[in-house]
Amino acid sequence: MVKSDEEQRIENEAIAYAKQHRAEIAKKLTALDLHPPEANPVSVFMAGSPGAGKTETSQALLGAFEANDGFKILRIDPDELRHEFPAYTGGNAWLFQKAVARVVDRILDEAFKKEQSFLLDGTLSSFKVADKNIQRALGKHRLVQILYVYQDPAQAWVFVQAREAMEGRRILPETFIEQYFSSRQVVNHLKQIYGKKIRVDLLFKNIDGSTRVYKDNVDNVDNHIPEKYDVSSLERLLGISKC
């Protein structure tokens, strides 16, 4: 999407702000009194389209873990990190992607260095970024898990729009479509490359957001959830088709 001069200015200033403050933000979030080091730290990566229910799933997962073991695992949420930037309003969320990525990288640096378990909440839609992070985790001899959350895109888009109405955080329909398809492709590609070195679990959500199916240690998402959409049909579904 072409940016206006004002939008480009906001993005550039956000990147500059990230470079200046990322070390401070990372050290604050990875404080050892909040997240002590572990003998065998794990790295968990969420995956799935916007609106699939990843955030709620990750919060419930870590909440249950803390309740059972009394241990608080570091949760890294790029959406929450946008609030660190003064110019962020919610509706301009897409302008902060590059800036937030720099902050996430620094948080991961700290978590790896301090031997802290972490969960990275995101779509996992960029193969280059995901591959780099998984290589780093495996290089540290960590258990690596990907949790792919699937919600039918028609319902996921409803959730995205409802969240925008409540929180002001906007996701462009083009971005939604790109991340919907890319996330699945990236997860399948990573599993193909790393095989048994990583674990991929699949969570299939009902329309109301409750869990319908949970499959652990799958080899390919398509074997359990065949893709029934293509870009054109999803564009028509979201009302942005040019045809």
C-alpha atoms as a PDB file:
ATOM      1  CA  MET A   1       0.000   0.000   0.000  1.00  0.00           C
ATOM      2  CA  VAL A   2       1.365   3.413  -0.976  1.00  0.00           C
ATOM      3  CA  LYS A   3       2.025   5.674   2.006  1.00  0.00           C
ATOM      4  CA  SER A   4       1.309   9.380   2.113  1.00  0.00           C
ATOM      5  CA  ASP A   5       4.111  11.748   3.108  1.00  0.00           C
ATOM      6  CA  GLU A   6       2.644  11.965   6.607  1.00  0.00           C
ATOM      7  CA  GLU A   7       2.408   8.185   6.938  1.00  0.00           C
ATOM      8  CA  GLN A   8       5.992   7.779   5.759  1.00  0.00           C
ATOM      9  CA  ARG A   9       7.103  10.356   8.326  1.00  0.00           C
ATOM     10  CA  ILE A  10       5.334   8.450  11.118  1.00  0.00           C
ATOM     11  CA  GLU A  11       6.929   5.171  10.038  1.00  0.00           C
ATOM     12  CA  ASN A  12      10.413   6.702   9.828  1.00  0.00           C
ATOM     13  CA  GLU A  13      10.082   8.347  13.228  1.00  0.00           C
ATOM     14  CA  ALA A  14       8.857   5.080  14.737  1.00  0.00           C
ATOM     15  CA  ILE A  15      11.914   3.251  13.397  1.00  0.00           C
ATOM     16  CA  ALA A  16      14.188   5.939  14.829  1.00  0.00           C
ATOM     17  CA  TYR A  17      12.380   5.690  18.179  1.00  0.00           C
ATOM     18  CA  ALA A  18      12.789   1.911  18.173  1.00  0.00           C
ATOM     19  CA  LYS A  19      16.523   2.164  17.558  1.00  0.00           C
ATOM     20  CA  GLN A  20      16.869   4.626  20.424  1.00  0.00           C
ATOM     21  CA  HIS A  21      14.695   2.819  22.979  1.00  0.00           C
ATOM     22  CA  ARG A  22      14.733  -0.896  22.086  1.00  0.00           C
ATOM     23  CA  ALA A  23      17.461  -1.798  24.586  1.00  0.00           C
ATOM     24  CA  GLU A  24      15.584  -0.067  27.399  1.00  0.00           C
ATOM     25  CA  ILE A  25      12.277  -1.726  26.493  1.00  0.00           C
ATOM     26  CA  ALA A  26      13.871  -5.161  26.133  1.00  0.00           C
ATOM     27  CA  LYS A  27      15.639  -5.035  29.484  1.00  0.00           C
ATOM     28  CA  LYS A  28      12.446  -3.899  31.204  1.00  0.00           C
ATOM     29  CA  LEU A  29      10.393  -6.768  29.798  1.00  0.00           C
ATOM     30  CA  THR A  30      13.047  -9.437  30.424  1.00  0.00           C
ATOM     31  CA  ALA A  31      13.864  -8.422  33.997  1.00  0.00           C
ATOM     32  CA  LEU A  32      15.088 -11.492  35.873  1.00  0.00           C
ATOM     33  CA  ASP A  33      12.832 -10.826  38.849  1.00  0.00           C
ATOM     34  CA  LEU A  34       9.862 -11.199  36.476  1.00  0.00           C
ATOM     35  CA  HIS A  35      11.166 -14.098  34.404  1.00  0.00           C
ATOM     36  CA  PRO A  36      13.957 -16.109  36.068  1.00  0.00           C
ATOM     37  CA  PRO A  37      16.383 -18.128  33.934  1.00  0.00           C
ATOM     38  CA  GLU A  38      15.723 -21.829  33.406  1.00  0.00           C
ATOM     39  CA  ALA A  39      17.931 -24.862  33.040  1.00  0.00           C
ATOM     40  CA  ASN A  40      15.995 -25.976  29.949  1.00  0.00           C
ATOM     41  CA  PRO A  41      14.263 -22.927  28.453  1.00  0.00           C
ATOM     42  CA  VAL A  42      11.728 -23.382  25.663  1.00  0.00           C
ATOM     43  CA  SER A  43      10.720 -21.205  22.722  1.00  0.00           C
ATOM     44  CA  VAL A  44       7.077 -21.179  21.630  1.00  0.00           C
ATOM     45  CA  PHE A  45       5.941 -19.433  18.452  1.00  0.00           C
ATOM     46  CA  MET A  46       2.263 -18.717  17.807  1.00  0.00           C
ATOM     47  CA  ALA A  47       1.037 -18.842  14.205  1.00  0.00           C
ATOM     48  CA  GLY A  48      -2.192 -18.177  12.340  1.00  0.00           C
ATOM     49  CA  SER A  49      -4.167 -15.384  10.730  1.00  0.00           C
ATOM     50  CA  PRO A  50      -5.199 -12.178  12.488  1.00  0.00           C
ATOM     51  CA  GLY A  51      -8.419 -12.784  14.406  1.00  0.00           C
ATOM     52  CA  ALA A  52      -7.845 -16.527  14.743  1.00  0.00           C
ATOM     53  CA  GLY A  53      -7.636 -16.322  18.533  1.00  0.00           C
ATOM     54  CA  LYS A  54      -3.873 -16.587  19.029  1.00  0.00           C
ATOM     55  CA  THR A  55      -3.658 -13.969  21.754  1.00  0.00           C
ATOM     56  CA  GLU A  56      -6.453 -15.492  23.834  1.00  0.00           C
ATOM     57  CA  THR A  57      -4.952 -18.950  23.356  1.00  0.00           C
ATOM     58  CA  SER A  58      -1.474 -17.845  24.375  1.00  0.00           C
ATOM     59  CA  GLN A  59      -2.745 -16.002  27.433  1.00  0.00           C
ATOM     60  CA  ALA A  60      -4.784 -19.017  28.544  1.00  0.00           C
ATOM     61  CA  LEU A  61      -1.832 -21.343  27.966  1.00  0.00           C
ATOM     62  CA  LEU A  62       0.605 -19.265  29.978  1.00  0.00           C
ATOM     63  CA  GLY A  63      -1.999 -18.532  32.650  1.00  0.00           C
ATOM     64  CA  ALA A  64      -2.552 -22.249  33.171  1.00  0.00           C
ATOM     65  CA  PHE A  65       1.177 -22.870  33.283  1.00  0.00           C
ATOM     66  CA  GLU A  66       1.676 -20.153  35.893  1.00  0.00           C
ATOM     67  CA  ALA A  67      -1.245 -21.435  37.988  1.00  0.00           C
ATOM     68  CA  ASN A  68       0.125 -24.984  37.978  1.00  0.00           C
ATOM     69  CA  ASP A  69       3.836 -24.312  38.342  1.00  0.00           C
ATOM     70  CA  GLY A  70       3.963 -20.774  39.711  1.00  0.00           C
ATOM     71  CA  PHE A  71       6.293 -19.792  36.883  1.00  0.00           C
ATOM     72  CA  LYS A  72       5.680 -16.781  34.672  1.00  0.00           C
ATOM     73  CA  ILE A  73       6.878 -17.258  31.091  1.00  0.00           C
ATOM     74  CA  LEU A  74       7.810 -14.213  29.038  1.00  0.00           C
ATOM     75  CA  ARG A  75       5.112 -13.418  26.486  1.00  0.00           C
ATOM     76  CA  ILE A  76       6.204 -11.198  23.601  1.00  0.00           C
ATOM     77  CA  ASP A  77       3.282  -9.547  21.823  1.00  0.00           C
ATOM     78  CA  PRO A  78       4.120  -7.212  18.910  1.00  0.00           C
ATOM     79  CA  ASP A  79       0.627  -5.695  19.098  1.00  0.00           C
ATOM     80  CA  GLU A  80       1.185  -4.661  22.711  1.00  0.00           C
ATOM     81  CA  LEU A  81       4.630  -3.293  21.893  1.00  0.00           C
ATOM     82  CA  ARG A  82       3.065  -0.739  19.552  1.00  0.00           C
ATOM     83  CA  HIS A  83       1.848   1.083  22.655  1.00  0.00           C
ATOM     84  CA  GLU A  84       5.488   1.916  23.438  1.00  0.00           C
ATOM     85  CA  PHE A  85       5.446   4.388  20.530  1.00  0.00           C
ATOM     86  CA  PRO A  86       4.061   7.903  21.158  1.00  0.00           C
ATOM     87  CA  ALA A  87       2.529   8.275  17.671  1.00  0.00           C
ATOM     88  CA  TYR A  88       0.612   4.991  17.767  1.00  0.00           C
ATOM     89  CA  THR A  89      -3.162   5.467  17.644  1.00  0.00           C
ATOM     90  CA  GLY A  90      -4.451   1.992  16.764  1.00  0.00           C
ATOM     91  CA  GLY A  91      -5.749   2.945  13.355  1.00  0.00           C
ATOM     92  CA  ASN A  92      -2.187   3.414  12.112  1.00  0.00           C
ATOM     93  CA  ALA A  93      -0.921   0.040  13.404  1.00  0.00           C
ATOM     94  CA  TRP A  94       0.450  -0.971  10.009  1.00  0.00           C
ATOM     95  CA  LEU A  95       2.945   1.901  10.083  1.00  0.00           C
ATOM     96  CA  PHE A  96       4.734   0.418  13.112  1.00  0.00           C
ATOM     97  CA  GLN A  97       5.519  -3.054  11.808  1.00  0.00           C
ATOM     98  CA  LYS A  98       9.160  -2.352  10.963  1.00  0.00           C
ATOM     99  CA  ALA A  99       9.757  -0.464  14.202  1.00  0.00           C
ATOM    100  CA  VAL A 100       8.189  -3.160  16.368  1.00  0.00           C
ATOM    101  CA  ALA A 101      10.238  -5.844  14.597  1.00  0.00           C
ATOM    102  CA  ARG A 102      13.396  -4.129  15.805  1.00  0.00           C
ATOM    103  CA  VAL A 103      12.140  -4.118  19.387  1.00  0.00           C
ATOM    104  CA  VAL A 104      11.132  -7.790  19.187  1.00  0.00           C
ATOM    105  CA  ASP A 105      14.607  -8.706  17.941  1.00  0.00           C
ATOM    106  CA  ARG A 106      16.202  -7.004  20.924  1.00  0.00           C
ATOM    107  CA  ILE A 107      13.798  -8.686  23.369  1.00  0.00           C
ATOM    108  CA  LEU A 108      14.720 -12.054  21.862  1.00  0.00           C
ATOM    109  CA  ASP A 109      18.414 -11.175  22.238  1.00  0.00           C
ATOM    110  CA  GLU A 110      17.855 -10.612  25.949  1.00  0.00           C
ATOM    111  CA  ALA A 111      15.701 -13.723  26.425  1.00  0.00           C
ATOM    112  CA  PHE A 112      18.273 -15.952  24.746  1.00  0.00           C
ATOM    113  CA  LYS A 113      21.109 -14.386  26.726  1.00  0.00           C
ATOM    114  CA  LYS A 114      19.253 -14.710  30.046  1.00  0.00           C
ATOM    115  CA  GLU A 115      18.071 -18.267  29.286  1.00  0.00           C
ATOM    116  CA  GLN A 116      14.412 -17.363  29.685  1.00  0.00           C
ATOM    117  CA  SER A 117      11.553 -19.327  28.175  1.00  0.00           C
ATOM    118  CA  PHE A 118       9.365 -17.199  25.942  1.00  0.00           C
ATOM    119  CA  LEU A 119       6.243 -17.270  23.811  1.00  0.00           C
ATOM    120  CA  LEU A 120       6.248 -15.037  20.737  1.00  0.00           C
ATOM    121  CA  ASP A 121       2.678 -14.127  19.824  1.00  0.00           C
ATOM    122  CA  GLY A 122       2.306 -13.351  16.133  1.00  0.00           C
ATOM    123  CA  THR A 123       1.150 -14.656  12.771  1.00  0.00           C
ATOM    124  CA  LEU A 124       4.481 -16.299  11.831  1.00  0.00           C
ATOM    125  CA  SER A 125       3.776 -15.143   8.283  1.00  0.00           C
ATOM    126  CA  SER A 126       7.339 -14.138   7.357  1.00  0.00           C
ATOM    127  CA  PHE A 127       9.494 -17.163   6.554  1.00  0.00           C
ATOM    128  CA  LYS A 128      12.731 -15.168   6.722  1.00  0.00           C
ATOM    129  CA  VAL A 129      12.023 -13.904  10.240  1.00  0.00           C
ATOM    130  CA  ALA A 130      10.576 -17.183  11.519  1.00  0.00           C
ATOM    131  CA  ASP A 131      13.461 -19.231  10.145  1.00  0.00           C
ATOM    132  CA  LYS A 132      16.007 -16.910  11.726  1.00  0.00           C
ATOM    133  CA  ASN A 133      14.342 -17.100  15.143  1.00  0.00           C
ATOM    134  CA  ILE A 134      13.952 -20.879  15.052  1.00  0.00           C
ATOM    135  CA  GLN A 135      17.567 -21.323  13.982  1.00  0.00           C
ATOM    136  CA  ARG A 136      18.618 -19.207  16.945  1.00  0.00           C
ATOM    137  CA  ALA A 137      16.475 -21.226  19.355  1.00  0.00           C
ATOM    138  CA  LEU A 138      17.742 -24.559  18.043  1.00  0.00           C
ATOM    139  CA  GLY A 139      21.286 -23.233  18.184  1.00  0.00           C
ATOM    140  CA  LYS A 140      20.727 -22.662  21.900  1.00  0.00           C
ATOM    141  CA  HIS A 141      19.548 -26.293  22.218  1.00  0.00           C
ATOM    142  CA  ARG A 142      16.019 -25.217  23.081  1.00  0.00           C
ATOM    143  CA  LEU A 143      12.792 -27.129  22.686  1.00  0.00           C
ATOM    144  CA  VAL A 144      10.958 -25.324  19.870  1.00  0.00           C
ATOM    145  CA  GLN A 145       7.192 -25.480  19.530  1.00  0.00           C
ATOM    146  CA  ILE A 146       4.894 -23.828  16.981  1.00  0.00           C
ATOM    147  CA  LEU A 147       1.233 -23.508  17.939  1.00  0.00           C
ATOM    148  CA  TYR A 148      -0.848 -22.878  14.815  1.00  0.00           C
ATOM    149  CA  VAL A 149      -4.330 -21.542  15.582  1.00  0.00           C
ATOM    150  CA  TYR A 150      -6.919 -21.838  12.824  1.00  0.00           C
ATOM    151  CA  GLN A 151     -10.216 -20.009  12.569  1.00  0.00           C
ATOM    152  CA  ASP A 152     -12.277 -19.874   9.385  1.00  0.00           C
ATOM    153  CA  PRO A 153     -11.206 -16.576   7.761  1.00  0.00           C
ATOM    154  CA  ALA A 154     -14.788 -15.342   7.453  1.00  0.00           C
ATOM    155  CA  GLN A 155     -15.170 -15.518  11.228  1.00  0.00           C
ATOM    156  CA  ALA A 156     -11.610 -14.369  11.889  1.00  0.00           C
ATOM    157  CA  TRP A 157     -12.298 -11.227   9.843  1.00  0.00           C
ATOM    158  CA  VAL A 158     -15.426 -10.573  11.930  1.00  0.00           C
ATOM    159  CA  PHE A 159     -13.250 -10.763  15.054  1.00  0.00           C
ATOM    160  CA  VAL A 160     -10.676  -8.420  13.474  1.00  0.00           C
ATOM    161  CA  GLN A 161     -13.360  -5.828  12.743  1.00  0.00           C
ATOM    162  CA  ALA A 162     -14.870  -6.172  16.217  1.00  0.00           C
ATOM    163  CA  ARG A 163     -11.448  -5.621  17.756  1.00  0.00           C
ATOM    164  CA  GLU A 164     -10.948  -2.530  15.615  1.00  0.00           C
ATOM    165  CA  ALA A 165     -14.259  -1.130  16.868  1.00  0.00           C
ATOM    166  CA  MET A 166     -13.257  -1.773  20.487  1.00  0.00           C
ATOM    167  CA  GLU A 167      -9.530  -0.995  20.470  1.00  0.00           C
ATOM    168  CA  GLY A 168      -9.019   1.075  17.327  1.00  0.00           C
ATOM    169  CA  ARG A 169      -6.363  -1.339  16.059  1.00  0.00           C
ATOM    170  CA  ARG A 170      -6.766  -1.594  12.311  1.00  0.00           C
ATOM    171  CA  ILE A 171      -5.644  -4.410  10.037  1.00  0.00           C
ATOM    172  CA  LEU A 172      -5.939  -3.783   6.319  1.00  0.00           C
ATOM    173  CA  PRO A 173      -7.908  -6.468   4.439  1.00  0.00           C
ATOM    174  CA  GLU A 174      -4.971  -6.950   2.072  1.00  0.00           C
ATOM    175  CA  THR A 175      -2.720  -7.608   5.070  1.00  0.00           C
ATOM    176  CA  PHE A 176      -5.234 -10.028   6.547  1.00  0.00           C
ATOM    177  CA  ILE A 177      -5.371 -12.052   3.334  1.00  0.00           C
ATOM    178  CA  GLU A 178      -1.601 -12.109   2.899  1.00  0.00           C
ATOM    179  CA  GLN A 179      -1.014 -13.256   6.483  1.00  0.00           C
ATOM    180  CA  TYR A 180      -3.832 -15.818   6.358  1.00  0.00           C
ATOM    181  CA  PHE A 181      -2.165 -17.701   3.511  1.00  0.00           C
ATOM    182  CA  SER A 182       1.466 -17.013   4.426  1.00  0.00           C
ATOM    183  CA  SER A 183       1.166 -18.265   7.991  1.00  0.00           C
ATOM    184  CA  ARG A 184       0.077 -21.745   6.906  1.00  0.00           C
ATOM    185  CA  GLN A 185       2.723 -21.869   4.173  1.00  0.00           C
ATOM    186  CA  VAL A 186       5.487 -20.815   6.555  1.00  0.00           C
ATOM    187  CA  VAL A 187       4.514 -23.378   9.205  1.00  0.00           C
ATOM    188  CA  ASN A 188       4.436 -26.189   6.642  1.00  0.00           C
ATOM    189  CA  HIS A 189       7.775 -25.092   5.179  1.00  0.00           C
ATOM    190  CA  LEU A 190       9.448 -24.892   8.590  1.00  0.00           C
ATOM    191  CA  LYS A 191       8.249 -28.371   9.517  1.00  0.00           C
ATOM    192  CA  GLN A 192       9.491 -29.694   6.184  1.00  0.00           C
ATOM    193  CA  ILE A 193      12.934 -28.204   6.808  1.00  0.00           C
ATOM    194  CA  TYR A 194      13.410 -28.995  10.500  1.00  0.00           C
ATOM    195  CA  GLY A 195      11.345 -32.153  10.859  1.00  0.00           C
ATOM    196  CA  LYS A 196      11.559 -33.669  14.326  1.00  0.00           C
ATOM    197  CA  LYS A 197      13.739 -30.813  15.567  1.00  0.00           C
ATOM    198  CA  ILE A 198      10.585 -28.732  16.035  1.00  0.00           C
ATOM    199  CA  ARG A 199       7.080 -29.573  17.219  1.00  0.00           C
ATOM    200  CA  VAL A 200       3.987 -28.213  15.465  1.00  0.00           C
ATOM    201  CA  ASP A 201       0.662 -28.338  17.298  1.00  0.00           C
ATOM    202  CA  LEU A 202      -2.636 -27.394  15.679  1.00  0.00           C
ATOM    203  CA  LEU A 203      -5.608 -25.741  17.361  1.00  0.00           C
ATOM    204  CA  PHE A 204      -8.839 -25.551  15.341  1.00  0.00           C
ATOM    205  CA  LYS A 205     -11.291 -22.970  16.691  1.00  0.00           C
ATOM    206  CA  ASN A 206     -15.089 -23.093  16.586  1.00  0.00           C
ATOM    207  CA  ILE A 207     -17.004 -20.060  15.320  1.00  0.00           C
ATOM    208  CA  ASP A 208     -17.597 -18.943  18.922  1.00  0.00           C
ATOM    209  CA  GLY A 209     -13.860 -19.069  19.619  1.00  0.00           C
ATOM    210  CA  SER A 210     -13.912 -22.267  21.672  1.00  0.00           C
ATOM    211  CA  THR A 211     -11.565 -25.142  20.889  1.00  0.00           C
ATOM    212  CA  ARG A 212     -12.932 -27.634  18.388  1.00  0.00           C
ATOM    213  CA  VAL A 213      -9.926 -29.824  17.647  1.00  0.00           C
ATOM    214  CA  TYR A 214      -6.402 -30.024  19.071  1.00  0.00           C
ATOM    215  CA  LYS A 215      -3.793 -32.022  17.178  1.00  0.00           C
ATOM    216  CA  ASP A 216      -0.300 -32.374  18.557  1.00  0.00           C
ATOM    217  CA  ASN A 217       2.934 -32.851  16.650  1.00  0.00           C
ATOM    218  CA  VAL A 218       1.505 -32.638  13.121  1.00  0.00           C
ATOM    219  CA  ASP A 219       3.631 -32.881   9.978  1.00  0.00           C
ATOM    220  CA  ASN A 220       1.507 -30.653   7.751  1.00  0.00           C
ATOM    221  CA  VAL A 221      -1.410 -28.340   8.491  1.00  0.00           C
ATOM    222  CA  ASP A 222      -3.113 -29.243   5.206  1.00  0.00           C
ATOM    223  CA  ASN A 223      -3.463 -32.873   6.272  1.00  0.00           C
ATOM    224  CA  HIS A 224      -5.843 -31.782   9.029  1.00  0.00           C
ATOM    225  CA  ILE A 225      -7.356 -28.560   7.637  1.00  0.00           C
ATOM    226  CA  PRO A 226      -7.523 -28.615   3.827  1.00  0.00           C
ATOM    227  CA  GLU A 227      -7.458 -25.111   2.357  1.00  0.00           C
ATOM    228  CA  LYS A 228     -10.820 -24.210   0.835  1.00  0.00           C
ATOM    229  CA  TYR A 229     -10.046 -20.617  -0.156  1.00  0.00           C
ATOM    230  CA  ASP A 230      -7.810 -18.879  -2.651  1.00  0.00           C
ATOM    231  CA  VAL A 231      -6.913 -15.191  -2.823  1.00  0.00           C
ATOM    232  CA  SER A 232      -9.780 -14.334  -5.169  1.00  0.00           C
ATOM    233  CA  SER A 233     -12.457 -16.054  -3.100  1.00  0.00           C
ATOM    234  CA  LEU A 234     -11.147 -14.450   0.078  1.00  0.00           C
ATOM    235  CA  GLU A 235     -11.123 -11.021  -1.560  1.00  0.00           C
ATOM    236  CA  ARG A 236     -14.760 -11.523  -2.514  1.00  0.00           C
ATOM    237  CA  LEU A 237     -15.556 -12.681   1.003  1.00  0.00           C
ATOM    238  CA  LEU A 238     -13.990  -9.536   2.486  1.00  0.00           C
ATOM    239  CA  GLY A 239     -15.608  -7.297  -0.114  1.00  0.00           C
ATOM    240  CA  ILE A 240     -12.426  -5.994  -1.725  1.00  0.00           C
ATOM    241  CA  SER A 241     -12.525  -7.948  -4.984  1.00  0.00           C
ATOM    242  CA  LYS A 242     -11.949  -5.812  -8.075  1.00  0.00           C
ATOM    243  CA  CYS A 243     -13.905  -8.277 -10.230  1.00  0.00           C
END
